[in-house]
Amino acid sequence: MEIKVENRGEVVLISISGRLDAVTAAELETTFGEVLDGGGQNAIVSMEDLEYISSAGLRVILLFAKKLHAAQRQVGFAALSGNVKEIFDISGFYSLFKIYDTVEEALAA
């Protein structure tokens, strides 16, 4: 898994690629913690190049979203496709989070 973090003004863009599973979830959790500690920005998580997500990955995402919400910040997810999109749908994440077709659409919102 590869994670890139970019500051885009009032939003931090977190791009995830590869596989998010029990082995890699701790790395993402650490990155999310750094983003939470970094200031008052909202977050967009790009999953354009994410090939797979397990229940461990979903747990990390849910915890991140809850912590952002508690800090009165928002998170959105962008560019889901294939297996990841299906898992978000089945797990009910589409009803919990703002999900955008593209990163550009998410940044504009």
PDB file of N, CA and C in Angstrom:
ATOM      1  N   MET A   1       0.844  -1.170   0.000  1.00  0.00           N
ATOM      2  CA  MET A   1       0.000   0.000   0.000  1.00  0.00           C
ATOM      3  C   MET A   1       0.892   1.236   0.000  1.00  0.00           C
ATOM      4  N   GLU A   2       0.440   2.250  -0.709  1.00  0.00           N
ATOM      5  CA  GLU A   2       1.128   3.532  -0.730  1.00  0.00           C
ATOM      6  C   GLU A   2       0.135   4.618  -0.341  1.00  0.00           C
ATOM      7  N   ILE A   3       0.592   5.559   0.487  1.00  0.00           N
ATOM      8  CA  ILE A   3      -0.249   6.653   0.958  1.00  0.00           C
ATOM      9  C   ILE A   3       0.450   7.966   0.646  1.00  0.00           C
ATOM     10  N   LYS A   4      -0.282   8.890   0.038  1.00  0.00           N
ATOM     11  CA  LYS A   4       0.227  10.235  -0.224  1.00  0.00           C
ATOM     12  C   LYS A   4      -0.691  11.230   0.465  1.00  0.00           C
ATOM     13  N   VAL A   5      -0.100  12.224   1.119  1.00  0.00           N
ATOM     14  CA  VAL A   5      -0.872  13.259   1.807  1.00  0.00           C
ATOM     15  C   VAL A   5      -0.475  14.605   1.209  1.00  0.00           C
ATOM     16  N   GLU A   6      -1.485  15.357   0.733  1.00  0.00           N
ATOM     17  CA  GLU A   6      -1.247  16.672   0.138  1.00  0.00           C
ATOM     18  C   GLU A   6      -2.176  17.692   0.783  1.00  0.00           C
ATOM     19  N   ASN A   7      -1.616  18.836   1.156  1.00  0.00           N
ATOM     20  CA  ASN A   7      -2.444  19.931   1.643  1.00  0.00           C
ATOM     21  C   ASN A   7      -2.975  20.705   0.451  1.00  0.00           C
ATOM     22  N   ARG A   8      -4.270  20.895   0.411  1.00  0.00           N
ATOM     23  CA  ARG A   8      -4.938  21.623  -0.667  1.00  0.00           C
ATOM     24  C   ARG A   8      -5.774  22.746  -0.058  1.00  0.00           C
ATOM     25  N   GLY A   9      -5.096  23.705   0.562  1.00  0.00           N
ATOM     26  CA  GLY A   9      -5.826  24.808   1.190  1.00  0.00           C
ATOM     27  C   GLY A   9      -6.503  24.356   2.465  1.00  0.00           C
ATOM     28  N   GLU A  10      -7.817  24.424   2.478  1.00  0.00           N
ATOM     29  CA  GLU A  10      -8.576  24.042   3.668  1.00  0.00           C
ATOM     30  C   GLU A  10      -8.881  22.547   3.725  1.00  0.00           C
ATOM     31  N   VAL A  11      -8.330  21.809   2.773  1.00  0.00           N
ATOM     32  CA  VAL A  11      -8.589  20.371   2.693  1.00  0.00           C
ATOM     33  C   VAL A  11      -7.265  19.624   2.595  1.00  0.00           C
ATOM     34  N   VAL A  12      -7.197  18.497   3.264  1.00  0.00           N
ATOM     35  CA  VAL A  12      -6.051  17.609   3.094  1.00  0.00           C
ATOM     36  C   VAL A  12      -6.520  16.433   2.240  1.00  0.00           C
ATOM     37  N   LEU A  13      -5.761  16.142   1.180  1.00  0.00           N
ATOM     38  CA  LEU A  13      -6.080  15.045   0.267  1.00  0.00           C
ATOM     39  C   LEU A  13      -5.187  13.863   0.611  1.00  0.00           C
ATOM     40  N   ILE A  14      -5.825  12.741   0.937  1.00  0.00           N
ATOM     41  CA  ILE A  14      -5.106  11.519   1.273  1.00  0.00           C
ATOM     42  C   ILE A  14      -5.396  10.511   0.169  1.00  0.00           C
ATOM     43  N   SER A  15      -4.368  10.139  -0.580  1.00  0.00           N
ATOM     44  CA  SER A  15      -4.529   9.186  -1.684  1.00  0.00           C
ATOM     45  C   SER A  15      -3.972   7.837  -1.267  1.00  0.00           C
ATOM     46  N   ILE A  16      -4.780   6.800  -1.439  1.00  0.00           N
ATOM     47  CA  ILE A  16      -4.393   5.451  -1.045  1.00  0.00           C
ATOM     48  C   ILE A  16      -4.344   4.577  -2.294  1.00  0.00           C
ATOM     49  N   SER A  17      -3.259   3.820  -2.450  1.00  0.00           N
ATOM     50  CA  SER A  17      -3.181   2.885  -3.578  1.00  0.00           C
ATOM     51  C   SER A  17      -2.717   1.521  -3.070  1.00  0.00           C
ATOM     52  N   GLY A  18      -3.036   0.491  -3.840  1.00  0.00           N
ATOM     53  CA  GLY A  18      -2.646  -0.865  -3.473  1.00  0.00           C
ATOM     54  C   GLY A  18      -3.741  -1.597  -2.722  1.00  0.00           C
ATOM     55  N   ARG A  19      -3.332  -2.310  -1.667  1.00  0.00           N
ATOM     56  CA  ARG A  19      -4.257  -3.126  -0.883  1.00  0.00           C
ATOM     57  C   ARG A  19      -4.317  -2.627   0.558  1.00  0.00           C
ATOM     58  N   LEU A  20      -5.528  -2.417   1.047  1.00  0.00           N
ATOM     59  CA  LEU A  20      -5.737  -2.016   2.433  1.00  0.00           C
ATOM     60  C   LEU A  20      -6.338  -3.210   3.167  1.00  0.00           C
ATOM     61  N   ASP A  21      -5.497  -3.877   3.955  1.00  0.00           N
ATOM     62  CA  ASP A  21      -5.937  -5.086   4.653  1.00  0.00           C
ATOM     63  C   ASP A  21      -5.367  -5.091   6.071  1.00  0.00           C
ATOM     64  N   ALA A  22      -5.451  -6.224   6.744  1.00  0.00           N
ATOM     65  CA  ALA A  22      -4.994  -6.314   8.131  1.00  0.00           C
ATOM     66  C   ALA A  22      -3.505  -5.998   8.262  1.00  0.00           C
ATOM     67  N   VAL A  23      -2.725  -6.285   7.258  1.00  0.00           N
ATOM     68  CA  VAL A  23      -1.288  -6.037   7.301  1.00  0.00           C
ATOM     69  C   VAL A  23      -0.977  -4.550   7.158  1.00  0.00           C
ATOM     70  N   THR A  24      -1.723  -3.838   6.316  1.00  0.00           N
ATOM     71  CA  THR A  24      -1.417  -2.438   6.005  1.00  0.00           C
ATOM     72  C   THR A  24      -2.289  -1.426   6.755  1.00  0.00           C
ATOM     73  N   ALA A  25      -3.326  -1.883   7.434  1.00  0.00           N
ATOM     74  CA  ALA A  25      -4.264  -0.970   8.099  1.00  0.00           C
ATOM     75  C   ALA A  25      -3.582  -0.103   9.150  1.00  0.00           C
ATOM     76  N   ALA A  26      -2.603  -0.639   9.870  1.00  0.00           N
ATOM     77  CA  ALA A  26      -1.917   0.128  10.918  1.00  0.00           C
ATOM     78  C   ALA A  26      -1.174   1.324  10.328  1.00  0.00           C
ATOM     79  N   GLU A  27      -0.604   1.149   9.144  1.00  0.00           N
ATOM     80  CA  GLU A  27       0.096   2.248   8.481  1.00  0.00           C
ATOM     81  C   GLU A  27      -0.877   3.390   8.150  1.00  0.00           C
ATOM     82  N   LEU A  28      -2.049   3.039   7.649  1.00  0.00           N
ATOM     83  CA  LEU A  28      -3.052   4.057   7.336  1.00  0.00           C
ATOM     84  C   LEU A  28      -3.561   4.712   8.614  1.00  0.00           C
ATOM     85  N   GLU A  29      -3.735   3.930   9.663  1.00  0.00           N
ATOM     86  CA  GLU A  29      -4.199   4.473  10.938  1.00  0.00           C
ATOM     87  C   GLU A  29      -3.197   5.510  11.472  1.00  0.00           C
ATOM     88  N   THR A  30      -1.906   5.242  11.317  1.00  0.00           N
ATOM     89  CA  THR A  30      -0.865   6.193  11.724  1.00  0.00           C
ATOM     90  C   THR A  30      -0.956   7.476  10.908  1.00  0.00           C
ATOM     91  N   THR A  31      -1.128   7.339   9.605  1.00  0.00           N
ATOM     92  CA  THR A  31      -1.256   8.513   8.733  1.00  0.00           C
ATOM     93  C   THR A  31      -2.490   9.321   9.106  1.00  0.00           C
ATOM     94  N   PHE A  32      -3.603   8.660   9.322  1.00  0.00           N
ATOM     95  CA  PHE A  32      -4.826   9.355   9.729  1.00  0.00           C
ATOM     96  C   PHE A  32      -4.610  10.094  11.051  1.00  0.00           C
ATOM     97  N   GLY A  33      -3.890   9.490  11.986  1.00  0.00           N
ATOM     98  CA  GLY A  33      -3.592  10.147  13.252  1.00  0.00           C
ATOM     99  C   GLY A  33      -2.787  11.419  13.051  1.00  0.00           C
ATOM    100  N   GLU A  34      -1.826  11.374  12.143  1.00  0.00           N
ATOM    101  CA  GLU A  34      -1.023  12.562  11.829  1.00  0.00           C
ATOM    102  C   GLU A  34      -1.886  13.658  11.215  1.00  0.00           C
ATOM    103  N   VAL A  35      -2.822  13.273  10.363  1.00  0.00           N
ATOM    104  CA  VAL A  35      -3.738  14.248   9.761  1.00  0.00           C
ATOM    105  C   VAL A  35      -4.617  14.873  10.842  1.00  0.00           C
ATOM    106  N   LEU A  36      -5.112  14.069  11.752  1.00  0.00           N
ATOM    107  CA  LEU A  36      -5.949  14.583  12.841  1.00  0.00           C
ATOM    108  C   LEU A  36      -5.180  15.570  13.718  1.00  0.00           C
ATOM    109  N   ASP A  37      -3.920  15.265  13.961  1.00  0.00           N
ATOM    110  CA  ASP A  37      -3.096  16.131  14.801  1.00  0.00           C
ATOM    111  C   ASP A  37      -2.611  17.377  14.067  1.00  0.00           C
ATOM    112  N   GLY A  38      -2.744  17.376  12.742  1.00  0.00           N
ATOM    113  CA  GLY A  38      -2.165  18.430  11.922  1.00  0.00           C
ATOM    114  C   GLY A  38      -2.939  19.725  11.840  1.00  0.00           C
ATOM    115  N   GLY A  39      -4.147  19.787  12.316  1.00  0.00           N
ATOM    116  CA  GLY A  39      -4.888  21.044  12.253  1.00  0.00           C
ATOM    117  C   GLY A  39      -6.352  20.839  11.971  1.00  0.00           C
ATOM    118  N   GLY A  40      -6.995  21.916  11.584  1.00  0.00           N
ATOM    119  CA  GLY A  40      -8.439  21.934  11.447  1.00  0.00           C
ATOM    120  C   GLY A  40      -8.963  21.688  10.054  1.00  0.00           C
ATOM    121  N   GLN A  41      -8.194  21.013   9.231  1.00  0.00           N
ATOM    122  CA  GLN A  41      -8.627  20.806   7.855  1.00  0.00           C
ATOM    123  C   GLN A  41      -9.634  19.666   7.743  1.00  0.00           C
ATOM    124  N   ASN A  42     -10.525  19.796   6.757  1.00  0.00           N
ATOM    125  CA  ASN A  42     -11.366  18.680   6.357  1.00  0.00           C
ATOM    126  C   ASN A  42     -10.514  17.739   5.518  1.00  0.00           C
ATOM    127  N   ALA A  43     -11.009  16.538   5.254  1.00  0.00           N
ATOM    128  CA  ALA A  43     -10.216  15.547   4.532  1.00  0.00           C
ATOM    129  C   ALA A  43     -11.005  14.947   3.372  1.00  0.00           C
ATOM    130  N   ILE A  44     -10.264  14.689   2.300  1.00  0.00           N
ATOM    131  CA  ILE A  44     -10.766  13.909   1.175  1.00  0.00           C
ATOM    132  C   ILE A  44      -9.850  12.697   1.049  1.00  0.00           C
ATOM    133  N   VAL A  45     -10.432  11.506   0.987  1.00  0.00           N
ATOM    134  CA  VAL A  45      -9.652  10.285   0.815  1.00  0.00           C
ATOM    135  C   VAL A  45      -9.906   9.766  -0.595  1.00  0.00           C
ATOM    136  N   SER A  46      -8.856   9.809  -1.408  1.00  0.00           N
ATOM    137  CA  SER A  46      -8.952   9.310  -2.781  1.00  0.00           C
ATOM    138  C   SER A  46      -8.618   7.827  -2.802  1.00  0.00           C
ATOM    139  N   MET A  47      -9.520   7.048  -3.395  1.00  0.00           N
ATOM    140  CA  MET A  47      -9.327   5.604  -3.477  1.00  0.00           C
ATOM    141  C   MET A  47      -9.231   5.153  -4.931  1.00  0.00           C
ATOM    142  N   GLU A  48      -8.825   6.081  -5.767  1.00  0.00           N
ATOM    143  CA  GLU A  48      -8.753   5.820  -7.206  1.00  0.00           C
ATOM    144  C   GLU A  48      -7.888   4.607  -7.531  1.00  0.00           C
ATOM    145  N   ASP A  49      -6.774   4.445  -6.825  1.00  0.00           N
ATOM    146  CA  ASP A  49      -5.848   3.345  -7.111  1.00  0.00           C
ATOM    147  C   ASP A  49      -5.858   2.272  -6.033  1.00  0.00           C
ATOM    148  N   LEU A  50      -6.897   2.275  -5.192  1.00  0.00           N
ATOM    149  CA  LEU A  50      -7.026   1.238  -4.173  1.00  0.00           C
ATOM    150  C   LEU A  50      -7.666   0.014  -4.812  1.00  0.00           C
ATOM    151  N   GLU A  51      -6.961  -1.104  -4.743  1.00  0.00           N
ATOM    152  CA  GLU A  51      -7.416  -2.330  -5.411  1.00  0.00           C
ATOM    153  C   GLU A  51      -8.295  -3.208  -4.522  1.00  0.00           C
ATOM    154  N   TYR A  52      -8.070  -3.131  -3.201  1.00  0.00           N
ATOM    155  CA  TYR A  52      -8.749  -4.038  -2.286  1.00  0.00           C
ATOM    156  C   TYR A  52      -8.856  -3.379  -0.918  1.00  0.00           C
ATOM    157  N   ILE A  53      -9.953  -3.636  -0.227  1.00  0.00           N
ATOM    158  CA  ILE A  53     -10.116  -3.179   1.157  1.00  0.00           C
ATOM    159  C   ILE A  53     -10.777  -4.296   1.967  1.00  0.00           C
ATOM    160  N   SER A  54     -10.194  -4.589   3.126  1.00  0.00           N
ATOM    161  CA  SER A  54     -10.740  -5.623   4.004  1.00  0.00           C
ATOM    162  C   SER A  54     -11.528  -4.971   5.129  1.00  0.00           C
ATOM    163  N   SER A  55     -12.070  -5.801   6.012  1.00  0.00           N
ATOM    164  CA  SER A  55     -12.807  -5.267   7.160  1.00  0.00           C
ATOM    165  C   SER A  55     -11.887  -4.461   8.077  1.00  0.00           C
ATOM    166  N   ALA A  56     -10.618  -4.826   8.140  1.00  0.00           N
ATOM    167  CA  ALA A  56      -9.659  -4.045   8.943  1.00  0.00           C
ATOM    168  C   ALA A  56      -9.503  -2.642   8.362  1.00  0.00           C
ATOM    169  N   GLY A  57      -9.493  -2.535   7.055  1.00  0.00           N
ATOM    170  CA  GLY A  57      -9.416  -1.231   6.406  1.00  0.00           C
ATOM    171  C   GLY A  57     -10.669  -0.411   6.634  1.00  0.00           C
ATOM    172  N   LEU A  58     -11.815  -1.053   6.562  1.00  0.00           N
ATOM    173  CA  LEU A  58     -13.080  -0.359   6.827  1.00  0.00           C
ATOM    174  C   LEU A  58     -13.121   0.175   8.256  1.00  0.00           C
ATOM    175  N   ARG A  59     -12.600  -0.597   9.189  1.00  0.00           N
ATOM    176  CA  ARG A  59     -12.567  -0.174  10.591  1.00  0.00           C
ATOM    177  C   ARG A  59     -11.728   1.094  10.758  1.00  0.00           C
ATOM    178  N   VAL A  60     -10.557   1.136  10.118  1.00  0.00           N
ATOM    179  CA  VAL A  60      -9.678   2.303  10.215  1.00  0.00           C
ATOM    180  C   VAL A  60     -10.368   3.532   9.624  1.00  0.00           C
ATOM    181  N   ILE A  61     -11.037   3.354   8.505  1.00  0.00           N
ATOM    182  CA  ILE A  61     -11.749   4.462   7.864  1.00  0.00           C
ATOM    183  C   ILE A  61     -12.891   4.960   8.754  1.00  0.00           C
ATOM    184  N   LEU A  62     -13.634   4.048   9.332  1.00  0.00           N
ATOM    185  CA  LEU A  62     -14.742   4.426  10.204  1.00  0.00           C
ATOM    186  C   LEU A  62     -14.253   5.184  11.437  1.00  0.00           C
ATOM    187  N   LEU A  63     -13.178   4.721  12.044  1.00  0.00           N
ATOM    188  CA  LEU A  63     -12.619   5.408  13.211  1.00  0.00           C
ATOM    189  C   LEU A  63     -12.123   6.803  12.850  1.00  0.00           C
ATOM    190  N   PHE A  64     -11.478   6.935  11.704  1.00  0.00           N
ATOM    191  CA  PHE A  64     -10.992   8.241  11.241  1.00  0.00           C
ATOM    192  C   PHE A  64     -12.159   9.202  11.056  1.00  0.00           C
ATOM    193  N   ALA A  65     -13.207   8.734  10.410  1.00  0.00           N
ATOM    194  CA  ALA A  65     -14.382   9.576  10.170  1.00  0.00           C
ATOM    195  C   ALA A  65     -15.026   9.998  11.492  1.00  0.00           C
ATOM    196  N   LYS A  66     -15.116   9.088  12.442  1.00  0.00           N
ATOM    197  CA  LYS A  66     -15.708   9.417  13.744  1.00  0.00           C
ATOM    198  C   LYS A  66     -14.876  10.465  14.479  1.00  0.00           C
ATOM    199  N   LYS A  67     -13.556  10.333  14.425  1.00  0.00           N
ATOM    200  CA  LYS A  67     -12.681  11.297  15.097  1.00  0.00           C
ATOM    201  C   LYS A  67     -12.753  12.665  14.424  1.00  0.00           C
ATOM    202  N   LEU A  68     -12.821  12.690  13.115  1.00  0.00           N
ATOM    203  CA  LEU A  68     -12.978  13.963  12.408  1.00  0.00           C
ATOM    204  C   LEU A  68     -14.298  14.619  12.792  1.00  0.00           C
ATOM    205  N   HIS A  69     -15.359  13.824  12.802  1.00  0.00           N
ATOM    206  CA  HIS A  69     -16.683  14.345  13.161  1.00  0.00           C
ATOM    207  C   HIS A  69     -16.674  14.929  14.578  1.00  0.00           C
ATOM    208  N   ALA A  70     -16.021  14.237  15.503  1.00  0.00           N
ATOM    209  CA  ALA A  70     -15.931  14.724  16.875  1.00  0.00           C
ATOM    210  C   ALA A  70     -15.179  16.050  16.956  1.00  0.00           C
ATOM    211  N   ALA A  71     -14.258  16.270  16.019  1.00  0.00           N
ATOM    212  CA  ALA A  71     -13.497  17.520  15.961  1.00  0.00           C
ATOM    213  C   ALA A  71     -14.188  18.557  15.077  1.00  0.00           C
ATOM    214  N   GLN A  72     -15.430  18.277  14.704  1.00  0.00           N
ATOM    215  CA  GLN A  72     -16.243  19.145  13.843  1.00  0.00           C
ATOM    216  C   GLN A  72     -15.570  19.396  12.496  1.00  0.00           C
ATOM    217  N   ARG A  73     -14.988  18.335  11.974  1.00  0.00           N
ATOM    218  CA  ARG A  73     -14.390  18.348  10.639  1.00  0.00           C
ATOM    219  C   ARG A  73     -15.092  17.294   9.803  1.00  0.00           C
ATOM    220  N   GLN A  74     -14.942  17.396   8.490  1.00  0.00           N
ATOM    221  CA  GLN A  74     -15.646  16.471   7.602  1.00  0.00           C
ATOM    222  C   GLN A  74     -14.663  15.647   6.788  1.00  0.00           C
ATOM    223  N   VAL A  75     -15.148  14.496   6.341  1.00  0.00           N
ATOM    224  CA  VAL A  75     -14.378  13.643   5.449  1.00  0.00           C
ATOM    225  C   VAL A  75     -15.265  13.239   4.285  1.00  0.00           C
ATOM    226  N   GLY A  76     -14.671  13.166   3.111  1.00  0.00           N
ATOM    227  CA  GLY A  76     -15.348  12.667   1.923  1.00  0.00           C
ATOM    228  C   GLY A  76     -14.443  11.654   1.237  1.00  0.00           C
ATOM    229  N   PHE A  77     -15.033  10.786   0.464  1.00  0.00           N
ATOM    230  CA  PHE A  77     -14.277   9.751  -0.246  1.00  0.00           C
ATOM    231  C   PHE A  77     -14.498   9.925  -1.735  1.00  0.00           C
ATOM    232  N   ALA A  78     -13.444   9.710  -2.508  1.00  0.00           N
ATOM    233  CA  ALA A  78     -13.525   9.983  -3.935  1.00  0.00           C
ATOM    234  C   ALA A  78     -12.938   8.844  -4.763  1.00  0.00           C
ATOM    235  N   ALA A  79     -13.491   8.711  -5.956  1.00  0.00           N
ATOM    236  CA  ALA A  79     -12.961   7.840  -7.010  1.00  0.00           C
ATOM    237  C   ALA A  79     -12.908   6.362  -6.622  1.00  0.00           C
ATOM    238  N   LEU A  80     -13.956   5.893  -5.979  1.00  0.00           N
ATOM    239  CA  LEU A  80     -14.039   4.467  -5.673  1.00  0.00           C
ATOM    240  C   LEU A  80     -14.363   3.691  -6.941  1.00  0.00           C
ATOM    241  N   SER A  81     -13.803   2.512  -7.063  1.00  0.00           N
ATOM    242  CA  SER A  81     -14.116   1.704  -8.240  1.00  0.00           C
ATOM    243  C   SER A  81     -14.027   0.223  -7.899  1.00  0.00           C
ATOM    244  N   GLY A  82     -14.609  -0.572  -8.758  1.00  0.00           N
ATOM    245  CA  GLY A  82     -14.518  -2.022  -8.662  1.00  0.00           C
ATOM    246  C   GLY A  82     -14.887  -2.583  -7.312  1.00  0.00           C
ATOM    247  N   ASN A  83     -14.003  -3.418  -6.787  1.00  0.00           N
ATOM    248  CA  ASN A  83     -14.209  -4.131  -5.538  1.00  0.00           C
ATOM    249  C   ASN A  83     -14.426  -3.179  -4.362  1.00  0.00           C
ATOM    250  N   VAL A  84     -13.660  -2.098  -4.317  1.00  0.00           N
ATOM    251  CA  VAL A  84     -13.765  -1.147  -3.208  1.00  0.00           C
ATOM    252  C   VAL A  84     -15.142  -0.490  -3.197  1.00  0.00           C
ATOM    253  N   LYS A  85     -15.611  -0.108  -4.362  1.00  0.00           N
ATOM    254  CA  LYS A  85     -16.939   0.507  -4.477  1.00  0.00           C
ATOM    255  C   LYS A  85     -18.019  -0.471  -4.009  1.00  0.00           C
ATOM    256  N   GLU A  86     -17.904  -1.719  -4.408  1.00  0.00           N
ATOM    257  CA  GLU A  86     -18.873  -2.747  -4.024  1.00  0.00           C
ATOM    258  C   GLU A  86     -18.866  -2.973  -2.509  1.00  0.00           C
ATOM    259  N   ILE A  87     -17.684  -3.013  -1.912  1.00  0.00           N
ATOM    260  CA  ILE A  87     -17.584  -3.225  -0.465  1.00  0.00           C
ATOM    261  C   ILE A  87     -18.163  -2.037   0.298  1.00  0.00           C
ATOM    262  N   PHE A  88     -17.908  -0.803  -0.157  1.00  0.00           N
ATOM    263  CA  PHE A  88     -18.509   0.369   0.481  1.00  0.00           C
ATOM    264  C   PHE A  88     -20.027   0.298   0.392  1.00  0.00           C
ATOM    265  N   ASP A  89     -20.547  -0.158  -0.731  1.00  0.00           N
ATOM    266  CA  ASP A  89     -21.992  -0.259  -0.913  1.00  0.00           C
ATOM    267  C   ASP A  89     -22.585  -1.320   0.016  1.00  0.00           C
ATOM    268  N   ILE A  90     -22.001  -2.494   0.022  1.00  0.00           N
ATOM    269  CA  ILE A  90     -22.505  -3.606   0.837  1.00  0.00           C
ATOM    270  C   ILE A  90     -22.434  -3.275   2.330  1.00  0.00           C
ATOM    271  N   SER A  91     -21.369  -2.583   2.749  1.00  0.00           N
ATOM    272  CA  SER A  91     -21.178  -2.278   4.166  1.00  0.00           C
ATOM    273  C   SER A  91     -22.005  -1.084   4.642  1.00  0.00           C
ATOM    274  N   GLY A  92     -22.681  -0.399   3.702  1.00  0.00           N
ATOM    275  CA  GLY A  92     -23.528   0.721   4.073  1.00  0.00           C
ATOM    276  C   GLY A  92     -22.793   2.050   4.193  1.00  0.00           C
ATOM    277  N   PHE A  93     -21.543   2.107   3.765  1.00  0.00           N
ATOM    278  CA  PHE A  93     -20.766   3.336   3.871  1.00  0.00           C
ATOM    279  C   PHE A  93     -21.306   4.443   2.971  1.00  0.00           C
ATOM    280  N   TYR A  94     -22.004   4.074   1.909  1.00  0.00           N
ATOM    281  CA  TYR A  94     -22.588   5.097   1.025  1.00  0.00           C
ATOM    282  C   TYR A  94     -23.629   5.940   1.770  1.00  0.00           C
ATOM    283  N   SER A  95     -24.283   5.345   2.730  1.00  0.00           N
ATOM    284  CA  SER A  95     -25.280   6.110   3.490  1.00  0.00           C
ATOM    285  C   SER A  95     -24.655   6.881   4.651  1.00  0.00           C
ATOM    286  N   LEU A  96     -23.426   6.553   5.004  1.00  0.00           N
ATOM    287  CA  LEU A  96     -22.758   7.204   6.132  1.00  0.00           C
ATOM    288  C   LEU A  96     -21.900   8.400   5.724  1.00  0.00           C
ATOM    289  N   PHE A  97     -21.328   8.348   4.521  1.00  0.00           N
ATOM    290  CA  PHE A  97     -20.323   9.319   4.120  1.00  0.00           C
ATOM    291  C   PHE A  97     -20.667  10.000   2.809  1.00  0.00           C
ATOM    292  N   LYS A  98     -20.028  11.140   2.595  1.00  0.00           N
ATOM    293  CA  LYS A  98     -20.108  11.804   1.300  1.00  0.00           C
ATOM    294  C   LYS A  98     -19.113  11.106   0.373  1.00  0.00           C
ATOM    295  N   ILE A  99     -19.632  10.625  -0.747  1.00  0.00           N
ATOM    296  CA  ILE A  99     -18.794   9.905  -1.703  1.00  0.00           C
ATOM    297  C   ILE A  99     -18.948  10.565  -3.066  1.00  0.00           C
ATOM    298  N   TYR A 100     -17.807  10.881  -3.675  1.00  0.00           N
ATOM    299  CA  TYR A 100     -17.774  11.622  -4.929  1.00  0.00           C
ATOM    300  C   TYR A 100     -17.175  10.755  -6.033  1.00  0.00           C
ATOM    301  N   ASP A 101     -17.604  11.012  -7.264  1.00  0.00           N
ATOM    302  CA  ASP A 101     -17.108  10.239  -8.399  1.00  0.00           C
ATOM    303  C   ASP A 101     -15.642  10.516  -8.698  1.00  0.00           C
ATOM    304  N   THR A 102     -15.218  11.774  -8.495  1.00  0.00           N
ATOM    305  CA  THR A 102     -13.837  12.156  -8.801  1.00  0.00           C
ATOM    306  C   THR A 102     -13.253  12.980  -7.655  1.00  0.00           C
ATOM    307  N   VAL A 103     -11.935  13.052  -7.625  1.00  0.00           N
ATOM    308  CA  VAL A 103     -11.240  13.884  -6.640  1.00  0.00           C
ATOM    309  C   VAL A 103     -11.594  15.348  -6.884  1.00  0.00           C
ATOM    310  N   GLU A 104     -11.647  15.745  -8.136  1.00  0.00           N
ATOM    311  CA  GLU A 104     -11.951  17.139  -8.481  1.00  0.00           C
ATOM    312  C   GLU A 104     -13.325  17.542  -7.958  1.00  0.00           C
ATOM    313  N   GLU A 105     -14.295  16.641  -8.109  1.00  0.00           N
ATOM    314  CA  GLU A 105     -15.640  16.903  -7.604  1.00  0.00           C
ATOM    315  C   GLU A 105     -15.636  17.046  -6.086  1.00  0.00           C
ATOM    316  N   ALA A 106     -14.876  16.200  -5.412  1.00  0.00           N
ATOM    317  CA  ALA A 106     -14.788  16.258  -3.953  1.00  0.00           C
ATOM    318  C   ALA A 106     -14.130  17.551  -3.490  1.00  0.00           C
ATOM    319  N   LEU A 107     -13.074  17.965  -4.158  1.00  0.00           N
ATOM    320  CA  LEU A 107     -12.382  19.201  -3.784  1.00  0.00           C
ATOM    321  C   LEU A 107     -13.264  20.425  -4.025  1.00  0.00           C
ATOM    322  N   ALA A 108     -14.060  20.377  -5.062  1.00  0.00           N
ATOM    323  CA  ALA A 108     -14.955  21.508  -5.368  1.00  0.00           C
ATOM    324  C   ALA A 108     -16.082  21.630  -4.346  1.00  0.00           C
ATOM    325  N   ALA A 109     -16.475  20.500  -3.757  1.00  0.00           N
ATOM    326  CA  ALA A 109     -17.559  20.509  -2.775  1.00  0.00           C
ATOM    327  C   ALA A 109     -17.049  21.045  -1.469  1.00  0.00           C
TER     328      ALA A 109
END
